[in-house]
Amino acid sequence: MKIYKILLPPEWRLLKETGRTIGAPIDVCDGYIHFSTSKQVRQTAVKHFTKAPKLEVLTCDLSYMREDIKWETSRSGALFPHLYRELMMSDVEWHTTVKLGAQGHLFPDTMP
């Protein structure tokens, strides 16, 4: 199963440069790194990144992170994957830049 992490461009640059991250400010505050499923990622972008001109969307394979992921209830009672360790560049399988369009962020058709 694939899970998705949204970062802002400076957060993505830091991950690429250092090979690891403790996440965005909200992740640091909450004590874990927030992820979304394919059904949740677009809604996450709308809820938390509405005005961001660019988003960096990372795809990770849950099977490689399973022991450090906890599924916890979040908005609307849905379960979200939360990573309880640093996110490593080696966890990232794929990345895409998503730009803001007139009707919201323009996710590629290749994403589920």
PDB file of N, CA and C in Angstrom:
ATOM      1  N   MET A   1       0.842  -1.186   0.000  1.00  0.00           N
ATOM      2  CA  MET A   1       0.000   0.000   0.000  1.00  0.00           C
ATOM      3  C   MET A   1       0.880   1.240   0.000  1.00  0.00           C
ATOM      4  N   LYS A   2       0.487   2.201  -0.791  1.00  0.00           N
ATOM      5  CA  LYS A   2       1.215   3.470  -0.848  1.00  0.00           C
ATOM      6  C   LYS A   2       0.574   4.470   0.104  1.00  0.00           C
ATOM      7  N   ILE A   3       1.420   5.264   0.757  1.00  0.00           N
ATOM      8  CA  ILE A   3       0.952   6.371   1.580  1.00  0.00           C
ATOM      9  C   ILE A   3       1.682   7.628   1.123  1.00  0.00           C
ATOM     10  N   TYR A   4       1.108   8.780   1.455  1.00  0.00           N
ATOM     11  CA  TYR A   4       1.570  10.040   0.881  1.00  0.00           C
ATOM     12  C   TYR A   4       1.873  11.068   1.963  1.00  0.00           C
ATOM     13  N   LYS A   5       2.947  11.807   1.742  1.00  0.00           N
ATOM     14  CA  LYS A   5       3.337  12.903   2.625  1.00  0.00           C
ATOM     15  C   LYS A   5       3.410  14.172   1.790  1.00  0.00           C
ATOM     16  N   ILE A   6       2.775  15.224   2.273  1.00  0.00           N
ATOM     17  CA  ILE A   6       2.852  16.520   1.617  1.00  0.00           C
ATOM     18  C   ILE A   6       3.857  17.377   2.372  1.00  0.00           C
ATOM     19  N   LEU A   7       4.810  17.931   1.640  1.00  0.00           N
ATOM     20  CA  LEU A   7       5.779  18.871   2.200  1.00  0.00           C
ATOM     21  C   LEU A   7       5.755  20.149   1.382  1.00  0.00           C
ATOM     22  N   LEU A   8       6.162  21.217   2.001  1.00  0.00           N
ATOM     23  CA  LEU A   8       6.396  22.461   1.273  1.00  0.00           C
ATOM     24  C   LEU A   8       7.789  22.383   0.646  1.00  0.00           C
ATOM     25  N   PRO A   9       8.039  23.140  -0.413  1.00  0.00           N
ATOM     26  CA  PRO A   9       9.338  23.035  -1.101  1.00  0.00           C
ATOM     27  C   PRO A   9      10.574  23.140  -0.195  1.00  0.00           C
ATOM     28  N   PRO A  10      10.638  24.068   0.782  1.00  0.00           N
ATOM     29  CA  PRO A  10      11.840  24.105   1.632  1.00  0.00           C
ATOM     30  C   PRO A  10      12.005  22.837   2.476  1.00  0.00           C
ATOM     31  N   GLU A  11      10.896  22.231   2.891  1.00  0.00           N
ATOM     32  CA  GLU A  11      10.962  20.991   3.676  1.00  0.00           C
ATOM     33  C   GLU A  11      11.468  19.842   2.811  1.00  0.00           C
ATOM     34  N   TRP A  12      11.043  19.800   1.555  1.00  0.00           N
ATOM     35  CA  TRP A  12      11.503  18.791   0.607  1.00  0.00           C
ATOM     36  C   TRP A  12      12.989  18.951   0.327  1.00  0.00           C
ATOM     37  N   ARG A  13      13.443  20.196   0.132  1.00  0.00           N
ATOM     38  CA  ARG A  13      14.876  20.449  -0.105  1.00  0.00           C
ATOM     39  C   ARG A  13      15.715  19.944   1.066  1.00  0.00           C
ATOM     40  N   LEU A  14      15.257  20.219   2.283  1.00  0.00           N
ATOM     41  CA  LEU A  14      15.986  19.770   3.470  1.00  0.00           C
ATOM     42  C   LEU A  14      16.071  18.242   3.521  1.00  0.00           C
ATOM     43  N   LEU A  15      14.985  17.570   3.209  1.00  0.00           N
ATOM     44  CA  LEU A  15      15.006  16.105   3.190  1.00  0.00           C
ATOM     45  C   LEU A  15      15.999  15.598   2.149  1.00  0.00           C
ATOM     46  N   LYS A  16      15.995  16.189   0.965  1.00  0.00           N
ATOM     47  CA  LYS A  16      16.933  15.758  -0.073  1.00  0.00           C
ATOM     48  C   LYS A  16      18.377  16.023   0.339  1.00  0.00           C
ATOM     49  N   GLU A  17      18.638  17.163   0.972  1.00  0.00           N
ATOM     50  CA  GLU A  17      20.002  17.531   1.351  1.00  0.00           C
ATOM     51  C   GLU A  17      20.546  16.696   2.502  1.00  0.00           C
ATOM     52  N   THR A  18      19.706  16.410   3.494  1.00  0.00           N
ATOM     53  CA  THR A  18      20.174  15.718   4.695  1.00  0.00           C
ATOM     54  C   THR A  18      19.856  14.227   4.708  1.00  0.00           C
ATOM     55  N   GLY A  19      18.888  13.817   3.879  1.00  0.00           N
ATOM     56  CA  GLY A  19      18.512  12.412   3.834  1.00  0.00           C
ATOM     57  C   GLY A  19      17.513  12.005   4.886  1.00  0.00           C
ATOM     58  N   ARG A  20      17.070  12.969   5.698  1.00  0.00           N
ATOM     59  CA  ARG A  20      16.111  12.660   6.768  1.00  0.00           C
ATOM     60  C   ARG A  20      15.392  13.924   7.208  1.00  0.00           C
ATOM     61  N   THR A  21      14.234  13.731   7.835  1.00  0.00           N
ATOM     62  CA  THR A  21      13.502  14.865   8.376  1.00  0.00           C
ATOM     63  C   THR A  21      12.625  14.413   9.538  1.00  0.00           C
ATOM     64  N   ILE A  22      12.407  15.312  10.459  1.00  0.00           N
ATOM     65  CA  ILE A  22      11.447  15.064  11.529  1.00  0.00           C
ATOM     66  C   ILE A  22      10.084  15.633  11.149  1.00  0.00           C
ATOM     67  N   GLY A  23      10.015  16.154   9.912  1.00  0.00           N
ATOM     68  CA  GLY A  23       8.741  16.584   9.370  1.00  0.00           C
ATOM     69  C   GLY A  23       8.535  18.077   9.384  1.00  0.00           C
ATOM     70  N   ALA A  24       7.323  18.437   9.024  1.00  0.00           N
ATOM     71  CA  ALA A  24       6.893  19.826   9.005  1.00  0.00           C
ATOM     72  C   ALA A  24       6.639  20.294  10.439  1.00  0.00           C
ATOM     73  N   PRO A  25       6.474  21.591  10.655  1.00  0.00           N
ATOM     74  CA  PRO A  25       6.225  22.075  12.014  1.00  0.00           C
ATOM     75  C   PRO A  25       5.071  21.369  12.731  1.00  0.00           C
ATOM     76  N   ILE A  26       3.981  21.065  12.028  1.00  0.00           N
ATOM     77  CA  ILE A  26       2.862  20.368  12.673  1.00  0.00           C
ATOM     78  C   ILE A  26       3.267  18.961  13.107  1.00  0.00           C
ATOM     79  N   ASP A  27       4.147  18.308  12.320  1.00  0.00           N
ATOM     80  CA  ASP A  27       4.631  16.980  12.687  1.00  0.00           C
ATOM     81  C   ASP A  27       5.446  17.041  13.972  1.00  0.00           C
ATOM     82  N   VAL A  28       6.344  18.012  14.028  1.00  0.00           N
ATOM     83  CA  VAL A  28       7.194  18.188  15.207  1.00  0.00           C
ATOM     84  C   VAL A  28       6.317  18.445  16.438  1.00  0.00           C
ATOM     85  N   CYS A  29       5.331  19.296  16.281  1.00  0.00           N
ATOM     86  CA  CYS A  29       4.420  19.631  17.385  1.00  0.00           C
ATOM     87  C   CYS A  29       3.643  18.404  17.855  1.00  0.00           C
ATOM     88  N   ASP A  30       3.165  17.596  16.923  1.00  0.00           N
ATOM     89  CA  ASP A  30       2.339  16.437  17.278  1.00  0.00           C
ATOM     90  C   ASP A  30       3.158  15.216  17.693  1.00  0.00           C
ATOM     91  N   GLY A  31       4.449  15.194  17.375  1.00  0.00           N
ATOM     92  CA  GLY A  31       5.299  14.083  17.790  1.00  0.00           C
ATOM     93  C   GLY A  31       5.334  12.914  16.824  1.00  0.00           C
ATOM     94  N   TYR A  32       4.819  13.092  15.629  1.00  0.00           N
ATOM     95  CA  TYR A  32       4.856  12.067  14.600  1.00  0.00           C
ATOM     96  C   TYR A  32       4.702  12.742  13.246  1.00  0.00           C
ATOM     97  N   ILE A  33       5.000  12.002  12.186  1.00  0.00           N
ATOM     98  CA  ILE A  33       4.897  12.550  10.843  1.00  0.00           C
ATOM     99  C   ILE A  33       3.568  12.107  10.237  1.00  0.00           C
ATOM    100  N   HIS A  34       2.780  13.097   9.842  1.00  0.00           N
ATOM    101  CA  HIS A  34       1.461  12.856   9.258  1.00  0.00           C
ATOM    102  C   HIS A  34       1.581  12.343   7.826  1.00  0.00           C
ATOM    103  N   PHE A  35       0.866  11.301   7.520  1.00  0.00           N
ATOM    104  CA  PHE A  35       0.728  10.778   6.163  1.00  0.00           C
ATOM    105  C   PHE A  35      -0.751  10.693   5.828  1.00  0.00           C
ATOM    106  N   SER A  36      -1.031  10.484   4.562  1.00  0.00           N
ATOM    107  CA  SER A  36      -2.396  10.285   4.089  1.00  0.00           C
ATOM    108  C   SER A  36      -2.423   9.079   3.158  1.00  0.00           C
ATOM    109  N   THR A  37      -3.590   8.480   3.038  1.00  0.00           N
ATOM    110  CA  THR A  37      -3.780   7.439   2.041  1.00  0.00           C
ATOM    111  C   THR A  37      -4.107   8.115   0.712  1.00  0.00           C
ATOM    112  N   SER A  38      -4.215   7.314  -0.332  1.00  0.00           N
ATOM    113  CA  SER A  38      -4.562   7.882  -1.646  1.00  0.00           C
ATOM    114  C   SER A  38      -5.940   8.532  -1.621  1.00  0.00           C
ATOM    115  N   LYS A  39      -6.838   8.029  -0.797  1.00  0.00           N
ATOM    116  CA  LYS A  39      -8.186   8.608  -0.701  1.00  0.00           C
ATOM    117  C   LYS A  39      -8.203   9.886   0.126  1.00  0.00           C
ATOM    118  N   GLN A  40      -7.163  10.129   0.918  1.00  0.00           N
ATOM    119  CA  GLN A  40      -7.132  11.272   1.842  1.00  0.00           C
ATOM    120  C   GLN A  40      -6.239  12.415   1.379  1.00  0.00           C
ATOM    121  N   VAL A  41      -5.279  12.156   0.502  1.00  0.00           N
ATOM    122  CA  VAL A  41      -4.217  13.133   0.230  1.00  0.00           C
ATOM    123  C   VAL A  41      -4.750  14.426  -0.384  1.00  0.00           C
ATOM    124  N   ARG A  42      -5.704  14.341  -1.272  1.00  0.00           N
ATOM    125  CA  ARG A  42      -6.243  15.564  -1.880  1.00  0.00           C
ATOM    126  C   ARG A  42      -7.004  16.400  -0.850  1.00  0.00           C
ATOM    127  N   GLN A  43      -7.745  15.728  -0.001  1.00  0.00           N
ATOM    128  CA  GLN A  43      -8.466  16.430   1.063  1.00  0.00           C
ATOM    129  C   GLN A  43      -7.487  17.067   2.055  1.00  0.00           C
ATOM    130  N   THR A  44      -6.386  16.402   2.321  1.00  0.00           N
ATOM    131  CA  THR A  44      -5.350  16.968   3.188  1.00  0.00           C
ATOM    132  C   THR A  44      -4.795  18.245   2.570  1.00  0.00           C
ATOM    133  N   ALA A  45      -4.566  18.237   1.269  1.00  0.00           N
ATOM    134  CA  ALA A  45      -4.065  19.436   0.578  1.00  0.00           C
ATOM    135  C   ALA A  45      -5.061  20.584   0.712  1.00  0.00           C
ATOM    136  N   VAL A  46      -6.336  20.292   0.548  1.00  0.00           N
ATOM    137  CA  VAL A  46      -7.377  21.326   0.665  1.00  0.00           C
ATOM    138  C   VAL A  46      -7.440  21.864   2.088  1.00  0.00           C
ATOM    139  N   LYS A  47      -7.388  20.989   3.058  1.00  0.00           N
ATOM    140  CA  LYS A  47      -7.560  21.392   4.459  1.00  0.00           C
ATOM    141  C   LYS A  47      -6.363  22.154   5.017  1.00  0.00           C
ATOM    142  N   HIS A  48      -5.154  21.745   4.658  1.00  0.00           N
ATOM    143  CA  HIS A  48      -3.968  22.302   5.301  1.00  0.00           C
ATOM    144  C   HIS A  48      -3.068  23.152   4.401  1.00  0.00           C
ATOM    145  N   PHE A  49      -3.265  23.094   3.091  1.00  0.00           N
ATOM    146  CA  PHE A  49      -2.345  23.770   2.178  1.00  0.00           C
ATOM    147  C   PHE A  49      -3.064  24.574   1.102  1.00  0.00           C
ATOM    148  N   THR A  50      -4.240  25.063   1.384  1.00  0.00           N
ATOM    149  CA  THR A  50      -5.098  25.704   0.389  1.00  0.00           C
ATOM    150  C   THR A  50      -4.400  26.768  -0.441  1.00  0.00           C
ATOM    151  N   LYS A  51      -3.586  27.596   0.183  1.00  0.00           N
ATOM    152  CA  LYS A  51      -2.984  28.729  -0.531  1.00  0.00           C
ATOM    153  C   LYS A  51      -1.534  28.503  -0.940  1.00  0.00           C
ATOM    154  N   ALA A  52      -0.982  27.344  -0.642  1.00  0.00           N
ATOM    155  CA  ALA A  52       0.411  27.071  -1.005  1.00  0.00           C
ATOM    156  C   ALA A  52       0.530  26.953  -2.519  1.00  0.00           C
ATOM    157  N   PRO A  53       1.384  27.771  -3.148  1.00  0.00           N
ATOM    158  CA  PRO A  53       1.495  27.740  -4.605  1.00  0.00           C
ATOM    159  C   PRO A  53       2.071  26.436  -5.150  1.00  0.00           C
ATOM    160  N   LYS A  54       2.886  25.763  -4.349  1.00  0.00           N
ATOM    161  CA  LYS A  54       3.480  24.489  -4.765  1.00  0.00           C
ATOM    162  C   LYS A  54       3.531  23.556  -3.565  1.00  0.00           C
ATOM    163  N   LEU A  55       3.249  22.304  -3.826  1.00  0.00           N
ATOM    164  CA  LEU A  55       3.383  21.256  -2.816  1.00  0.00           C
ATOM    165  C   LEU A  55       4.291  20.164  -3.373  1.00  0.00           C
ATOM    166  N   GLU A  56       5.019  19.540  -2.500  1.00  0.00           N
ATOM    167  CA  GLU A  56       5.833  18.388  -2.868  1.00  0.00           C
ATOM    168  C   GLU A  56       5.135  17.166  -2.260  1.00  0.00           C
ATOM    169  N   VAL A  57       4.690  16.273  -3.112  1.00  0.00           N
ATOM    170  CA  VAL A  57       3.963  15.093  -2.653  1.00  0.00           C
ATOM    171  C   VAL A  57       4.876  13.882  -2.797  1.00  0.00           C
ATOM    172  N   LEU A  58       5.123  13.220  -1.674  1.00  0.00           N
ATOM    173  CA  LEU A  58       6.003  12.064  -1.628  1.00  0.00           C
ATOM    174  C   LEU A  58       5.162  10.804  -1.525  1.00  0.00           C
ATOM    175  N   THR A  59       5.576   9.785  -2.224  1.00  0.00           N
ATOM    176  CA  THR A  59       4.931   8.480  -2.144  1.00  0.00           C
ATOM    177  C   THR A  59       5.881   7.525  -1.452  1.00  0.00           C
ATOM    178  N   CYS A  60       5.359   6.836  -0.451  1.00  0.00           N
ATOM    179  CA  CYS A  60       6.148   5.852   0.289  1.00  0.00           C
ATOM    180  C   CYS A  60       5.377   4.534   0.310  1.00  0.00           C
ATOM    181  N   ASP A  61       6.103   3.429   0.352  1.00  0.00           N
ATOM    182  CA  ASP A  61       5.478   2.112   0.434  1.00  0.00           C
ATOM    183  C   ASP A  61       5.355   1.737   1.904  1.00  0.00           C
ATOM    184  N   LEU A  62       4.135   1.511   2.325  1.00  0.00           N
ATOM    185  CA  LEU A  62       3.862   1.198   3.725  1.00  0.00           C
ATOM    186  C   LEU A  62       4.602  -0.051   4.194  1.00  0.00           C
ATOM    187  N   SER A  63       4.821  -1.000   3.319  1.00  0.00           N
ATOM    188  CA  SER A  63       5.445  -2.255   3.737  1.00  0.00           C
ATOM    189  C   SER A  63       6.846  -2.053   4.306  1.00  0.00           C
ATOM    190  N   TYR A  64       7.550  -1.006   3.863  1.00  0.00           N
ATOM    191  CA  TYR A  64       8.900  -0.747   4.373  1.00  0.00           C
ATOM    192  C   TYR A  64       8.899   0.026   5.688  1.00  0.00           C
ATOM    193  N   MET A  65       7.755   0.571   6.052  1.00  0.00           N
ATOM    194  CA  MET A  65       7.668   1.429   7.238  1.00  0.00           C
ATOM    195  C   MET A  65       6.705   0.866   8.287  1.00  0.00           C
ATOM    196  N   ARG A  66       6.131  -0.279   7.996  1.00  0.00           N
ATOM    197  CA  ARG A  66       5.017  -0.835   8.768  1.00  0.00           C
ATOM    198  C   ARG A  66       5.227  -0.820  10.279  1.00  0.00           C
ATOM    199  N   GLU A  67       6.404  -1.203  10.737  1.00  0.00           N
ATOM    200  CA  GLU A  67       6.612  -1.299  12.193  1.00  0.00           C
ATOM    201  C   GLU A  67       6.656   0.069  12.878  1.00  0.00           C
ATOM    202  N   ASP A  68       6.842   1.136  12.123  1.00  0.00           N
ATOM    203  CA  ASP A  68       6.909   2.478  12.700  1.00  0.00           C
ATOM    204  C   ASP A  68       5.662   3.320  12.411  1.00  0.00           C
ATOM    205  N   ILE A  69       4.681   2.720  11.757  1.00  0.00           N
ATOM    206  CA  ILE A  69       3.429   3.407  11.432  1.00  0.00           C
ATOM    207  C   ILE A  69       2.346   2.969  12.410  1.00  0.00           C
ATOM    208  N   LYS A  70       1.595   3.948  12.893  1.00  0.00           N
ATOM    209  CA  LYS A  70       0.393   3.674  13.678  1.00  0.00           C
ATOM    210  C   LYS A  70      -0.782   4.308  12.944  1.00  0.00           C
ATOM    211  N   TRP A  71      -1.853   3.572  12.849  1.00  0.00           N
ATOM    212  CA  TRP A  71      -3.081   4.092  12.245  1.00  0.00           C
ATOM    213  C   TRP A  71      -3.919   4.689  13.362  1.00  0.00           C
ATOM    214  N   GLU A  72      -4.157   5.993  13.253  1.00  0.00           N
ATOM    215  CA  GLU A  72      -4.861   6.688  14.332  1.00  0.00           C
ATOM    216  C   GLU A  72      -6.007   7.521  13.776  1.00  0.00           C
ATOM    217  N   THR A  73      -7.035   7.641  14.587  1.00  0.00           N
ATOM    218  CA  THR A  73      -8.217   8.390  14.196  1.00  0.00           C
ATOM    219  C   THR A  73      -7.907   9.870  14.118  1.00  0.00           C
ATOM    220  N   SER A  74      -8.352  10.492  13.043  1.00  0.00           N
ATOM    221  CA  SER A  74      -8.165  11.921  12.849  1.00  0.00           C
ATOM    222  C   SER A  74      -9.477  12.494  12.352  1.00  0.00           C
ATOM    223  N   ARG A  75      -9.417  13.428  11.409  1.00  0.00           N
ATOM    224  CA  ARG A  75     -10.625  14.124  10.993  1.00  0.00           C
ATOM    225  C   ARG A  75     -11.718  13.176  10.517  1.00  0.00           C
ATOM    226  N   SER A  76     -12.913  13.511  10.907  1.00  0.00           N
ATOM    227  CA  SER A  76     -14.121  12.761  10.544  1.00  0.00           C
ATOM    228  C   SER A  76     -14.067  11.300  10.967  1.00  0.00           C
ATOM    229  N   GLY A  77     -13.253  10.987  11.963  1.00  0.00           N
ATOM    230  CA  GLY A  77     -13.168   9.621  12.458  1.00  0.00           C
ATOM    231  C   GLY A  77     -12.378   8.668  11.573  1.00  0.00           C
ATOM    232  N   ALA A  78     -11.754   9.173  10.505  1.00  0.00           N
ATOM    233  CA  ALA A  78     -10.985   8.324   9.596  1.00  0.00           C
ATOM    234  C   ALA A  78      -9.632   7.971  10.205  1.00  0.00           C
ATOM    235  N   LEU A  79      -9.123   6.810   9.836  1.00  0.00           N
ATOM    236  CA  LEU A  79      -7.794   6.396  10.279  1.00  0.00           C
ATOM    237  C   LEU A  79      -6.748   6.948   9.325  1.00  0.00           C
ATOM    238  N   PHE A  80      -5.714   7.550   9.897  1.00  0.00           N
ATOM    239  CA  PHE A  80      -4.604   8.108   9.117  1.00  0.00           C
ATOM    240  C   PHE A  80      -3.309   7.449   9.558  1.00  0.00           C
ATOM    241  N   PRO A  81      -2.386   7.219   8.618  1.00  0.00           N
ATOM    242  CA  PRO A  81      -1.087   6.663   8.989  1.00  0.00           C
ATOM    243  C   PRO A  81      -0.165   7.747   9.557  1.00  0.00           C
ATOM    244  N   HIS A  82       0.417   7.452  10.713  1.00  0.00           N
ATOM    245  CA  HIS A  82       1.345   8.371  11.379  1.00  0.00           C
ATOM    246  C   HIS A  82       2.669   7.640  11.589  1.00  0.00           C
ATOM    247  N   LEU A  83       3.741   8.271  11.168  1.00  0.00           N
ATOM    248  CA  LEU A  83       5.080   7.683  11.278  1.00  0.00           C
ATOM    249  C   LEU A  83       5.744   8.158  12.558  1.00  0.00           C
ATOM    250  N   TYR A  84       6.155   7.207  13.397  1.00  0.00           N
ATOM    251  CA  TYR A  84       6.790   7.524  14.674  1.00  0.00           C
ATOM    252  C   TYR A  84       8.294   7.296  14.614  1.00  0.00           C
ATOM    253  N   ARG A  85       8.907   7.947  13.690  1.00  0.00           N
ATOM    254  CA  ARG A  85      10.364   8.032  13.557  1.00  0.00           C
ATOM    255  C   ARG A  85      10.638   9.067  12.472  1.00  0.00           C
ATOM    256  N   GLU A  86      11.897   9.358  12.246  1.00  0.00           N
ATOM    257  CA  GLU A  86      12.246  10.274  11.159  1.00  0.00           C
ATOM    258  C   GLU A  86      11.838   9.669   9.819  1.00  0.00           C
ATOM    259  N   LEU A  87      11.496  10.525   8.898  1.00  0.00           N
ATOM    260  CA  LEU A  87      11.282  10.104   7.519  1.00  0.00           C
ATOM    261  C   LEU A  87      12.631  10.150   6.825  1.00  0.00           C
ATOM    262  N   MET A  88      13.009   9.054   6.215  1.00  0.00           N
ATOM    263  CA  MET A  88      14.292   8.956   5.547  1.00  0.00           C
ATOM    264  C   MET A  88      14.079   9.091   4.035  1.00  0.00           C
ATOM    265  N   MET A  89      15.045   9.663   3.366  1.00  0.00           N
ATOM    266  CA  MET A  89      14.958   9.774   1.916  1.00  0.00           C
ATOM    267  C   MET A  89      14.806   8.384   1.298  1.00  0.00           C
ATOM    268  N   SER A  90      15.386   7.393   1.920  1.00  0.00           N
ATOM    269  CA  SER A  90      15.277   6.020   1.411  1.00  0.00           C
ATOM    270  C   SER A  90      13.844   5.477   1.515  1.00  0.00           C
ATOM    271  N   ASP A  91      12.985   6.108   2.303  1.00  0.00           N
ATOM    272  CA  ASP A  91      11.578   5.716   2.398  1.00  0.00           C
ATOM    273  C   ASP A  91      10.768   6.206   1.192  1.00  0.00           C
ATOM    274  N   VAL A  92      11.296   7.216   0.516  1.00  0.00           N
ATOM    275  CA  VAL A  92      10.552   7.864  -0.568  1.00  0.00           C
ATOM    276  C   VAL A  92      10.763   7.090  -1.863  1.00  0.00           C
ATOM    277  N   GLU A  93       9.662   6.612  -2.422  1.00  0.00           N
ATOM    278  CA  GLU A  93       9.722   5.884  -3.691  1.00  0.00           C
ATOM    279  C   GLU A  93       9.568   6.814  -4.884  1.00  0.00           C
ATOM    280  N   TRP A  94       8.769   7.846  -4.704  1.00  0.00           N
ATOM    281  CA  TRP A  94       8.408   8.706  -5.827  1.00  0.00           C
ATOM    282  C   TRP A  94       8.046  10.073  -5.282  1.00  0.00           C
ATOM    283  N   HIS A  95       8.227  11.071  -6.099  1.00  0.00           N
ATOM    284  CA  HIS A  95       7.939  12.447  -5.692  1.00  0.00           C
ATOM    285  C   HIS A  95       7.391  13.202  -6.887  1.00  0.00           C
ATOM    286  N   THR A  96       6.468  14.107  -6.627  1.00  0.00           N
ATOM    287  CA  THR A  96       5.995  14.993  -7.672  1.00  0.00           C
ATOM    288  C   THR A  96       5.706  16.368  -7.080  1.00  0.00           C
ATOM    289  N   THR A  97       5.880  17.376  -7.893  1.00  0.00           N
ATOM    290  CA  THR A  97       5.524  18.739  -7.499  1.00  0.00           C
ATOM    291  C   THR A  97       4.108  19.007  -7.989  1.00  0.00           C
ATOM    292  N   VAL A  98       3.268  19.500  -7.099  1.00  0.00           N
ATOM    293  CA  VAL A  98       1.877  19.787  -7.410  1.00  0.00           C
ATOM    294  C   VAL A  98       1.687  21.290  -7.307  1.00  0.00           C
ATOM    295  N   LYS A  99       1.239  21.887  -8.391  1.00  0.00           N
ATOM    296  CA  LYS A  99       1.037  23.339  -8.419  1.00  0.00           C
ATOM    297  C   LYS A  99      -0.417  23.688  -8.140  1.00  0.00           C
ATOM    298  N   LEU A 100      -0.604  24.902  -7.661  1.00  0.00           N
ATOM    299  CA  LEU A 100      -1.936  25.413  -7.368  1.00  0.00           C
ATOM    300  C   LEU A 100      -2.550  25.971  -8.644  1.00  0.00           C
ATOM    301  N   GLY A 101      -3.737  25.500  -8.969  1.00  0.00           N
ATOM    302  CA  GLY A 101      -4.476  26.010 -10.112  1.00  0.00           C
ATOM    303  C   GLY A 101      -5.661  26.834  -9.645  1.00  0.00           C
ATOM    304  N   ALA A 102      -6.474  27.259 -10.574  1.00  0.00           N
ATOM    305  CA  ALA A 102      -7.637  28.098 -10.262  1.00  0.00           C
ATOM    306  C   ALA A 102      -8.652  27.376  -9.384  1.00  0.00           C
ATOM    307  N   GLN A 103      -8.732  26.060  -9.517  1.00  0.00           N
ATOM    308  CA  GLN A 103      -9.710  25.279  -8.745  1.00  0.00           C
ATOM    309  C   GLN A 103      -9.063  24.433  -7.643  1.00  0.00           C
ATOM    310  N   GLY A 104      -7.812  24.725  -7.318  1.00  0.00           N
ATOM    311  CA  GLY A 104      -7.113  23.943  -6.286  1.00  0.00           C
ATOM    312  C   GLY A 104      -5.848  23.330  -6.851  1.00  0.00           C
ATOM    313  N   HIS A 105      -5.223  22.481  -6.067  1.00  0.00           N
ATOM    314  CA  HIS A 105      -3.973  21.855  -6.485  1.00  0.00           C
ATOM    315  C   HIS A 105      -4.224  20.829  -7.594  1.00  0.00           C
ATOM    316  N   LEU A 106      -3.302  20.817  -8.546  1.00  0.00           N
ATOM    317  CA  LEU A 106      -3.438  19.983  -9.740  1.00  0.00           C
ATOM    318  C   LEU A 106      -2.625  18.707  -9.582  1.00  0.00           C
ATOM    319  N   PHE A 107      -3.231  17.700  -8.980  1.00  0.00           N
ATOM    320  CA  PHE A 107      -2.565  16.415  -8.791  1.00  0.00           C
ATOM    321  C   PHE A 107      -2.472  15.688 -10.128  1.00  0.00           C
ATOM    322  N   PRO A 108      -1.392  14.961 -10.360  1.00  0.00           N
ATOM    323  CA  PRO A 108      -1.255  14.242 -11.635  1.00  0.00           C
ATOM    324  C   PRO A 108      -2.240  13.091 -11.731  1.00  0.00           C
ATOM    325  N   ASP A 109      -2.619  12.774 -12.940  1.00  0.00           N
ATOM    326  CA  ASP A 109      -3.537  11.648 -13.164  1.00  0.00           C
ATOM    327  C   ASP A 109      -2.916  10.319 -12.770  1.00  0.00           C
ATOM    328  N   THR A 110      -1.604  10.270 -12.687  1.00  0.00           N
ATOM    329  CA  THR A 110      -0.919   9.021 -12.331  1.00  0.00           C
ATOM    330  C   THR A 110      -1.073   8.664 -10.856  1.00  0.00           C
ATOM    331  N   MET A 111      -1.510   9.614 -10.050  1.00  0.00           N
ATOM    332  CA  MET A 111      -1.759   9.303  -8.634  1.00  0.00           C
ATOM    333  C   MET A 111      -3.156   8.710  -8.504  1.00  0.00           C
ATOM    334  N   PRO A 112      -3.286   7.675  -7.690  1.00  0.00           N
ATOM    335  CA  PRO A 112      -4.613   7.051  -7.522  1.00  0.00           C
ATOM    336  C   PRO A 112      -5.623   8.034  -6.937  1.00  0.00           C
TER     337      PRO A 112
END
